[in-house]
Amino acid sequence: MSEDQTVICRCEEVTIQEIKETVKQYHCSAREVKLRTRAGMGPCGGRTCRCMIDKIVEQLGGPSVSNEVSLSYRPPVRPVSFGVLGGQ
């Protein structure tokens, strides 16, 4: 497996190659990469990949993370049945 096939976001299965292609095509920030590829948007909310995505984008010439509004961490999503919501 080549380095470009390394999965950065396990939840959304986003590879380094996808991140590189997105930055190259759109000249975007880490925040925009996340929105375009869904990296960091899975059940973990970016807890495992967020820093790595930010570093990759900076290395590729994207804007520094400190100069932008970053995405916030989200609590993990857990399925809840309608019975639980309805109090049954």
PDB file of N, CA and C in Angstrom:
ATOM      1  N   MET A   1       0.847  -1.170   0.000  1.00  0.00           N
ATOM      2  CA  MET A   1       0.000   0.000   0.000  1.00  0.00           C
ATOM      3  C   MET A   1       0.894   1.235   0.000  1.00  0.00           C
ATOM      4  N   SER A   2       0.574   2.194  -0.852  1.00  0.00           N
ATOM      5  CA  SER A   2       1.355   3.426  -0.898  1.00  0.00           C
ATOM      6  C   SER A   2       0.914   4.373   0.217  1.00  0.00           C
ATOM      7  N   GLU A   3       1.757   5.346   0.480  1.00  0.00           N
ATOM      8  CA  GLU A   3       1.445   6.319   1.534  1.00  0.00           C
ATOM      9  C   GLU A   3       0.139   7.052   1.241  1.00  0.00           C
ATOM     10  N   ASP A   4      -0.126   7.342  -0.039  1.00  0.00           N
ATOM     11  CA  ASP A   4      -1.345   8.070  -0.402  1.00  0.00           C
ATOM     12  C   ASP A   4      -2.615   7.286  -0.104  1.00  0.00           C
ATOM     13  N   GLN A   5      -2.514   5.970   0.063  1.00  0.00           N
ATOM     14  CA  GLN A   5      -3.689   5.154   0.360  1.00  0.00           C
ATOM     15  C   GLN A   5      -3.930   5.007   1.860  1.00  0.00           C
ATOM     16  N   THR A   6      -3.099   5.647   2.665  1.00  0.00           N
ATOM     17  CA  THR A   6      -3.257   5.583   4.116  1.00  0.00           C
ATOM     18  C   THR A   6      -4.550   6.285   4.514  1.00  0.00           C
ATOM     19  N   VAL A   7      -5.368   5.610   5.294  1.00  0.00           N
ATOM     20  CA  VAL A   7      -6.638   6.171   5.749  1.00  0.00           C
ATOM     21  C   VAL A   7      -6.362   7.098   6.933  1.00  0.00           C
ATOM     22  N   ILE A   8      -6.769   8.339   6.793  1.00  0.00           N
ATOM     23  CA  ILE A   8      -6.597   9.327   7.860  1.00  0.00           C
ATOM     24  C   ILE A   8      -7.838   9.343   8.748  1.00  0.00           C
ATOM     25  N   CYS A   9      -9.002   9.424   8.143  1.00  0.00           N
ATOM     26  CA  CYS A   9     -10.260   9.420   8.891  1.00  0.00           C
ATOM     27  C   CYS A   9     -10.875   8.026   8.765  1.00  0.00           C
ATOM     28  N   ARG A  10     -10.787   7.261   9.845  1.00  0.00           N
ATOM     29  CA  ARG A  10     -11.311   5.891   9.819  1.00  0.00           C
ATOM     30  C   ARG A  10     -12.831   5.857   9.747  1.00  0.00           C
ATOM     31  N   CYS A  11     -13.480   6.801  10.386  1.00  0.00           N
ATOM     32  CA  CYS A  11     -14.950   6.803  10.406  1.00  0.00           C
ATOM     33  C   CYS A  11     -15.532   7.004   9.008  1.00  0.00           C
ATOM     34  N   GLU A  12     -14.948   7.919   8.237  1.00  0.00           N
ATOM     35  CA  GLU A  12     -15.449   8.237   6.901  1.00  0.00           C
ATOM     36  C   GLU A  12     -14.574   7.646   5.795  1.00  0.00           C
ATOM     37  N   GLU A  13     -13.519   6.913   6.183  1.00  0.00           N
ATOM     38  CA  GLU A  13     -12.602   6.254   5.255  1.00  0.00           C
ATOM     39  C   GLU A  13     -12.006   7.221   4.225  1.00  0.00           C
ATOM     40  N   VAL A  14     -11.488   8.345   4.709  1.00  0.00           N
ATOM     41  CA  VAL A  14     -10.869   9.350   3.846  1.00  0.00           C
ATOM     42  C   VAL A  14      -9.358   9.134   3.875  1.00  0.00           C
ATOM     43  N   THR A  15      -8.753   9.049   2.693  1.00  0.00           N
ATOM     44  CA  THR A  15      -7.318   8.801   2.578  1.00  0.00           C
ATOM     45  C   THR A  15      -6.531  10.106   2.422  1.00  0.00           C
ATOM     46  N   ILE A  16      -5.200   9.981   2.580  1.00  0.00           N
ATOM     47  CA  ILE A  16      -4.325  11.135   2.345  1.00  0.00           C
ATOM     48  C   ILE A  16      -4.498  11.623   0.917  1.00  0.00           C
ATOM     49  N   GLN A  17      -4.632  10.706  -0.020  1.00  0.00           N
ATOM     50  CA  GLN A  17      -4.790  11.069  -1.433  1.00  0.00           C
ATOM     51  C   GLN A  17      -6.024  11.950  -1.639  1.00  0.00           C
ATOM     52  N   GLU A  18      -7.135  11.596  -1.016  1.00  0.00           N
ATOM     53  CA  GLU A  18      -8.346  12.400  -1.158  1.00  0.00           C
ATOM     54  C   GLU A  18      -8.144  13.807  -0.591  1.00  0.00           C
ATOM     55  N   ILE A  19      -7.452  13.886   0.527  1.00  0.00           N
ATOM     56  CA  ILE A  19      -7.195  15.191   1.139  1.00  0.00           C
ATOM     57  C   ILE A  19      -6.287  16.021   0.227  1.00  0.00           C
ATOM     58  N   LYS A  20      -5.216  15.397  -0.291  1.00  0.00           N
ATOM     59  CA  LYS A  20      -4.300  16.104  -1.186  1.00  0.00           C
ATOM     60  C   LYS A  20      -5.018  16.600  -2.442  1.00  0.00           C
ATOM     61  N   GLU A  21      -5.840  15.756  -3.035  1.00  0.00           N
ATOM     62  CA  GLU A  21      -6.565  16.133  -4.251  1.00  0.00           C
ATOM     63  C   GLU A  21      -7.530  17.292  -3.980  1.00  0.00           C
ATOM     64  N   THR A  22      -8.174  17.256  -2.828  1.00  0.00           N
ATOM     65  CA  THR A  22      -9.121  18.319  -2.477  1.00  0.00           C
ATOM     66  C   THR A  22      -8.402  19.645  -2.290  1.00  0.00           C
ATOM     67  N   VAL A  23      -7.272  19.632  -1.591  1.00  0.00           N
ATOM     68  CA  VAL A  23      -6.501  20.864  -1.383  1.00  0.00           C
ATOM     69  C   VAL A  23      -5.988  21.392  -2.716  1.00  0.00           C
ATOM     70  N   LYS A  24      -5.485  20.499  -3.561  1.00  0.00           N
ATOM     71  CA  LYS A  24      -4.950  20.908  -4.864  1.00  0.00           C
ATOM     72  C   LYS A  24      -6.041  21.498  -5.764  1.00  0.00           C
ATOM     73  N   GLN A  25      -7.194  20.868  -5.788  1.00  0.00           N
ATOM     74  CA  GLN A  25      -8.275  21.306  -6.675  1.00  0.00           C
ATOM     75  C   GLN A  25      -8.932  22.600  -6.203  1.00  0.00           C
ATOM     76  N   TYR A  26      -9.161  22.736  -4.900  1.00  0.00           N
ATOM     77  CA  TYR A  26      -9.930  23.872  -4.394  1.00  0.00           C
ATOM     78  C   TYR A  26      -9.101  24.903  -3.634  1.00  0.00           C
ATOM     79  N   HIS A  27      -7.801  24.630  -3.410  1.00  0.00           N
ATOM     80  CA  HIS A  27      -6.926  25.550  -2.654  1.00  0.00           C
ATOM     81  C   HIS A  27      -7.606  25.953  -1.350  1.00  0.00           C
ATOM     82  N   CYS A  28      -8.000  24.953  -0.583  1.00  0.00           N
ATOM     83  CA  CYS A  28      -8.845  25.213   0.576  1.00  0.00           C
ATOM     84  C   CYS A  28      -8.150  24.993   1.907  1.00  0.00           C
ATOM     85  N   SER A  29      -8.807  25.452   2.925  1.00  0.00           N
ATOM     86  CA  SER A  29      -8.332  25.323   4.298  1.00  0.00           C
ATOM     87  C   SER A  29      -8.704  23.943   4.840  1.00  0.00           C
ATOM     88  N   ALA A  30      -8.198  23.636   6.033  1.00  0.00           N
ATOM     89  CA  ALA A  30      -8.518  22.362   6.678  1.00  0.00           C
ATOM     90  C   ALA A  30     -10.021  22.262   6.927  1.00  0.00           C
ATOM     91  N   ARG A  31     -10.635  23.363   7.311  1.00  0.00           N
ATOM     92  CA  ARG A  31     -12.077  23.356   7.567  1.00  0.00           C
ATOM     93  C   ARG A  31     -12.848  22.983   6.300  1.00  0.00           C
ATOM     94  N   GLU A  32     -12.464  23.574   5.178  1.00  0.00           N
ATOM     95  CA  GLU A  32     -13.149  23.277   3.922  1.00  0.00           C
ATOM     96  C   GLU A  32     -12.874  21.842   3.464  1.00  0.00           C
ATOM     97  N   VAL A  33     -11.666  21.335   3.713  1.00  0.00           N
ATOM     98  CA  VAL A  33     -11.352  19.933   3.387  1.00  0.00           C
ATOM     99  C   VAL A  33     -12.302  19.020   4.150  1.00  0.00           C
ATOM    100  N   LYS A  34     -12.515  19.321   5.412  1.00  0.00           N
ATOM    101  CA  LYS A  34     -13.417  18.512   6.225  1.00  0.00           C
ATOM    102  C   LYS A  34     -14.832  18.544   5.682  1.00  0.00           C
ATOM    103  N   LEU A  35     -15.277  19.711   5.265  1.00  0.00           N
ATOM    104  CA  LEU A  35     -16.637  19.830   4.735  1.00  0.00           C
ATOM    105  C   LEU A  35     -16.783  19.153   3.371  1.00  0.00           C
ATOM    106  N   ARG A  36     -15.743  19.205   2.544  1.00  0.00           N
ATOM    107  CA  ARG A  36     -15.811  18.606   1.205  1.00  0.00           C
ATOM    108  C   ARG A  36     -15.637  17.089   1.219  1.00  0.00           C
ATOM    109  N   THR A  37     -14.811  16.568   2.136  1.00  0.00           N
ATOM    110  CA  THR A  37     -14.520  15.123   2.129  1.00  0.00           C
ATOM    111  C   THR A  37     -15.231  14.361   3.245  1.00  0.00           C
ATOM    112  N   ARG A  38     -15.795  15.057   4.211  1.00  0.00           N
ATOM    113  CA  ARG A  38     -16.415  14.500   5.406  1.00  0.00           C
ATOM    114  C   ARG A  38     -15.387  13.947   6.386  1.00  0.00           C
ATOM    115  N   ALA A  39     -14.112  14.194   6.149  1.00  0.00           N
ATOM    116  CA  ALA A  39     -13.087  13.774   7.099  1.00  0.00           C
ATOM    117  C   ALA A  39     -13.314  14.512   8.413  1.00  0.00           C
ATOM    118  N   GLY A  40     -13.330  13.783   9.494  1.00  0.00           N
ATOM    119  CA  GLY A  40     -13.570  14.400  10.798  1.00  0.00           C
ATOM    120  C   GLY A  40     -15.028  14.588  11.128  1.00  0.00           C
ATOM    121  N   MET A  41     -15.920  14.074  10.279  1.00  0.00           N
ATOM    122  CA  MET A  41     -17.353  14.257  10.481  1.00  0.00           C
ATOM    123  C   MET A  41     -18.060  12.969  10.902  1.00  0.00           C
ATOM    124  N   GLY A  42     -17.297  11.919  11.161  1.00  0.00           N
ATOM    125  CA  GLY A  42     -17.884  10.638  11.521  1.00  0.00           C
ATOM    126  C   GLY A  42     -18.308  10.580  12.980  1.00  0.00           C
ATOM    127  N   PRO A  43     -18.632   9.398  13.444  1.00  0.00           N
ATOM    128  CA  PRO A  43     -19.108   9.227  14.828  1.00  0.00           C
ATOM    129  C   PRO A  43     -18.142   9.730  15.899  1.00  0.00           C
ATOM    130  N   CYS A  44     -16.844   9.721  15.629  1.00  0.00           N
ATOM    131  CA  CYS A  44     -15.895  10.189  16.652  1.00  0.00           C
ATOM    132  C   CYS A  44     -15.796  11.709  16.672  1.00  0.00           C
ATOM    133  N   GLY A  45     -16.347  12.370  15.674  1.00  0.00           N
ATOM    134  CA  GLY A  45     -16.348  13.833  15.646  1.00  0.00           C
ATOM    135  C   GLY A  45     -14.973  14.437  15.424  1.00  0.00           C
ATOM    136  N   GLY A  46     -14.057  13.687  14.830  1.00  0.00           N
ATOM    137  CA  GLY A  46     -12.732  14.209  14.539  1.00  0.00           C
ATOM    138  C   GLY A  46     -11.727  14.039  15.652  1.00  0.00           C
ATOM    139  N   ARG A  47     -12.083  13.334  16.679  1.00  0.00           N
ATOM    140  CA  ARG A  47     -11.155  13.163  17.802  1.00  0.00           C
ATOM    141  C   ARG A  47      -9.886  12.410  17.412  1.00  0.00           C
ATOM    142  N   THR A  48      -9.962  11.521  16.427  1.00  0.00           N
ATOM    143  CA  THR A  48      -8.785  10.738  16.055  1.00  0.00           C
ATOM    144  C   THR A  48      -8.028  11.314  14.863  1.00  0.00           C
ATOM    145  N   CYS A  49      -8.657  12.151  14.052  1.00  0.00           N
ATOM    146  CA  CYS A  49      -8.002  12.584  12.815  1.00  0.00           C
ATOM    147  C   CYS A  49      -7.868  14.089  12.635  1.00  0.00           C
ATOM    148  N   ARG A  50      -8.527  14.849  13.432  1.00  0.00           N
ATOM    149  CA  ARG A  50      -8.573  16.305  13.225  1.00  0.00           C
ATOM    150  C   ARG A  50      -7.188  16.941  13.144  1.00  0.00           C
ATOM    151  N   CYS A  51      -6.318  16.644  14.083  1.00  0.00           N
ATOM    152  CA  CYS A  51      -4.964  17.232  14.090  1.00  0.00           C
ATOM    153  C   CYS A  51      -4.177  16.826  12.853  1.00  0.00           C
ATOM    154  N   MET A  52      -4.316  15.573  12.446  1.00  0.00           N
ATOM    155  CA  MET A  52      -3.589  15.085  11.275  1.00  0.00           C
ATOM    156  C   MET A  52      -4.069  15.797  10.003  1.00  0.00           C
ATOM    157  N   ILE A  53      -5.359  15.997   9.867  1.00  0.00           N
ATOM    158  CA  ILE A  53      -5.898  16.702   8.701  1.00  0.00           C
ATOM    159  C   ILE A  53      -5.358  18.125   8.664  1.00  0.00           C
ATOM    160  N   ASP A  54      -5.366  18.788   9.811  1.00  0.00           N
ATOM    161  CA  ASP A  54      -4.846  20.156   9.894  1.00  0.00           C
ATOM    162  C   ASP A  54      -3.381  20.219   9.468  1.00  0.00           C
ATOM    163  N   LYS A  55      -2.577  19.261   9.921  1.00  0.00           N
ATOM    164  CA  LYS A  55      -1.148  19.234   9.589  1.00  0.00           C
ATOM    165  C   LYS A  55      -0.921  18.979   8.098  1.00  0.00           C
ATOM    166  N   ILE A  56      -1.681  18.055   7.530  1.00  0.00           N
ATOM    167  CA  ILE A  56      -1.538  17.735   6.101  1.00  0.00           C
ATOM    168  C   ILE A  56      -1.853  18.960   5.257  1.00  0.00           C
ATOM    169  N   VAL A  57      -2.928  19.650   5.571  1.00  0.00           N
ATOM    170  CA  VAL A  57      -3.322  20.831   4.799  1.00  0.00           C
ATOM    171  C   VAL A  57      -2.254  21.922   4.915  1.00  0.00           C
ATOM    172  N   GLU A  58      -1.728  22.135   6.110  1.00  0.00           N
ATOM    173  CA  GLU A  58      -0.668  23.135   6.292  1.00  0.00           C
ATOM    174  C   GLU A  58       0.568  22.769   5.477  1.00  0.00           C
ATOM    175  N   GLN A  59       0.949  21.485   5.463  1.00  0.00           N
ATOM    176  CA  GLN A  59       2.119  21.041   4.700  1.00  0.00           C
ATOM    177  C   GLN A  59       1.926  21.241   3.201  1.00  0.00           C
ATOM    178  N   LEU A  60       0.678  21.186   2.750  1.00  0.00           N
ATOM    179  CA  LEU A  60       0.384  21.356   1.329  1.00  0.00           C
ATOM    180  C   LEU A  60       0.199  22.826   0.946  1.00  0.00           C
ATOM    181  N   GLY A  61       0.439  23.723   1.884  1.00  0.00           N
ATOM    182  CA  GLY A  61       0.369  25.148   1.577  1.00  0.00           C
ATOM    183  C   GLY A  61      -0.949  25.806   1.897  1.00  0.00           C
ATOM    184  N   GLY A  62      -1.824  25.093   2.577  1.00  0.00           N
ATOM    185  CA  GLY A  62      -3.105  25.681   2.981  1.00  0.00           C
ATOM    186  C   GLY A  62      -2.908  26.650   4.118  1.00  0.00           C
ATOM    187  N   PRO A  63      -3.926  27.427   4.428  1.00  0.00           N
ATOM    188  CA  PRO A  63      -3.812  28.394   5.516  1.00  0.00           C
ATOM    189  C   PRO A  63      -3.596  27.713   6.864  1.00  0.00           C
ATOM    190  N   SER A  64      -2.907  28.399   7.746  1.00  0.00           N
ATOM    191  CA  SER A  64      -2.655  27.883   9.083  1.00  0.00           C
ATOM    192  C   SER A  64      -3.969  27.752   9.838  1.00  0.00           C
ATOM    193  N   VAL A  65      -4.085  26.722  10.636  1.00  0.00           N
ATOM    194  CA  VAL A  65      -5.301  26.472  11.402  1.00  0.00           C
ATOM    195  C   VAL A  65      -5.578  27.616  12.370  1.00  0.00           C
ATOM    196  N   SER A  66      -4.531  28.238  12.872  1.00  0.00           N
ATOM    197  CA  SER A  66      -4.716  29.325  13.836  1.00  0.00           C
ATOM    198  C   SER A  66      -5.353  30.562  13.201  1.00  0.00           C
ATOM    199  N   ASN A  67      -5.385  30.638  11.866  1.00  0.00           N
ATOM    200  CA  ASN A  67      -5.957  31.787  11.165  1.00  0.00           C
ATOM    201  C   ASN A  67      -7.389  31.568  10.713  1.00  0.00           C
ATOM    202  N   GLU A  68      -8.006  30.496  11.103  1.00  0.00           N
ATOM    203  CA  GLU A  68      -9.356  30.199  10.629  1.00  0.00           C
ATOM    204  C   GLU A  68     -10.252  29.731  11.766  1.00  0.00           C
ATOM    205  N   VAL A  69     -11.524  29.745  11.491  1.00  0.00           N
ATOM    206  CA  VAL A  69     -12.495  29.230  12.448  1.00  0.00           C
ATOM    207  C   VAL A  69     -12.568  27.730  12.227  1.00  0.00           C
ATOM    208  N   SER A  70     -12.202  26.968  13.237  1.00  0.00           N
ATOM    209  CA  SER A  70     -12.174  25.519  13.072  1.00  0.00           C
ATOM    210  C   SER A  70     -13.537  24.909  13.412  1.00  0.00           C
ATOM    211  N   LEU A  71     -13.695  23.666  12.985  1.00  0.00           N
ATOM    212  CA  LEU A  71     -14.903  22.932  13.334  1.00  0.00           C
ATOM    213  C   LEU A  71     -14.783  22.462  14.766  1.00  0.00           C
ATOM    214  N   SER A  72     -15.881  22.428  15.471  1.00  0.00           N
ATOM    215  CA  SER A  72     -15.848  22.003  16.867  1.00  0.00           C
ATOM    216  C   SER A  72     -15.983  20.486  16.952  1.00  0.00           C
ATOM    217  N   TYR A  73     -15.557  19.959  18.086  1.00  0.00           N
ATOM    218  CA  TYR A  73     -15.743  18.531  18.337  1.00  0.00           C
ATOM    219  C   TYR A  73     -17.205  18.285  18.672  1.00  0.00           C
ATOM    220  N   ARG A  74     -17.707  17.150  18.256  1.00  0.00           N
ATOM    221  CA  ARG A  74     -19.100  16.776  18.524  1.00  0.00           C
ATOM    222  C   ARG A  74     -19.121  15.508  19.347  1.00  0.00           C
ATOM    223  N   PRO A  75     -20.120  15.368  20.216  1.00  0.00           N
ATOM    224  CA  PRO A  75     -20.216  14.122  20.974  1.00  0.00           C
ATOM    225  C   PRO A  75     -20.553  12.966  20.034  1.00  0.00           C
ATOM    226  N   PRO A  76     -20.122  11.761  20.382  1.00  0.00           N
ATOM    227  CA  PRO A  76     -20.438  10.607  19.537  1.00  0.00           C
ATOM    228  C   PRO A  76     -21.948  10.415  19.394  1.00  0.00           C
ATOM    229  N   VAL A  77     -22.344   9.985  18.227  1.00  0.00           N
ATOM    230  CA  VAL A  77     -23.752   9.748  17.947  1.00  0.00           C
ATOM    231  C   VAL A  77     -24.087   8.308  18.305  1.00  0.00           C
ATOM    232  N   ARG A  78     -25.174   8.136  19.026  1.00  0.00           N
ATOM    233  CA  ARG A  78     -25.633   6.788  19.365  1.00  0.00           C
ATOM    234  C   ARG A  78     -27.093   6.666  18.946  1.00  0.00           C
ATOM    235  N   PRO A  79     -27.448   5.578  18.290  1.00  0.00           N
ATOM    236  CA  PRO A  79     -28.837   5.391  17.892  1.00  0.00           C
ATOM    237  C   PRO A  79     -29.747   5.248  19.117  1.00  0.00           C
ATOM    238  N   VAL A  80     -30.898   5.878  19.034  1.00  0.00           N
ATOM    239  CA  VAL A  80     -31.888   5.798  20.109  1.00  0.00           C
ATOM    240  C   VAL A  80     -33.215   5.409  19.476  1.00  0.00           C
ATOM    241  N   SER A  81     -33.893   4.446  20.069  1.00  0.00           N
ATOM    242  CA  SER A  81     -35.172   4.007  19.499  1.00  0.00           C
ATOM    243  C   SER A  81     -36.272   5.024  19.806  1.00  0.00           C
ATOM    244  N   PHE A  82     -37.316   4.995  19.018  1.00  0.00           N
ATOM    245  CA  PHE A  82     -38.446   5.888  19.239  1.00  0.00           C
ATOM    246  C   PHE A  82     -39.142   5.591  20.582  1.00  0.00           C
ATOM    247  N   GLY A  83     -39.087   4.339  20.993  1.00  0.00           N
ATOM    248  CA  GLY A  83     -39.671   3.963  22.276  1.00  0.00           C
ATOM    249  C   GLY A  83     -38.996   4.675  23.431  1.00  0.00           C
ATOM    250  N   VAL A  84     -37.682   4.776  23.376  1.00  0.00           N
ATOM    251  CA  VAL A  84     -36.931   5.472  24.413  1.00  0.00           C
ATOM    252  C   VAL A  84     -37.275   6.960  24.375  1.00  0.00           C
ATOM    253  N   LEU A  85     -37.348   7.528  23.193  1.00  0.00           N
ATOM    254  CA  LEU A  85     -37.672   8.956  23.068  1.00  0.00           C
ATOM    255  C   LEU A  85     -39.099   9.241  23.550  1.00  0.00           C
ATOM    256  N   GLY A  86     -39.992   8.304  23.296  1.00  0.00           N
ATOM    257  CA  GLY A  86     -41.389   8.493  23.686  1.00  0.00           C
ATOM    258  C   GLY A  86     -41.669   8.097  25.141  1.00  0.00           C
ATOM    259  N   GLY A  87     -40.666   7.585  25.852  1.00  0.00           N
ATOM    260  CA  GLY A  87     -40.836   7.232  27.237  1.00  0.00           C
ATOM    261  C   GLY A  87     -41.499   5.884  27.468  1.00  0.00           C
ATOM    262  N   GLN A  88     -41.463   5.007  26.481  1.00  0.00           N
ATOM    263  CA  GLN A  88     -42.094   3.695  26.640  1.00  0.00           C
ATOM    264  C   GLN A  88     -41.102   2.636  26.974  1.00  0.00           C
TER     265      GLN A  88
END
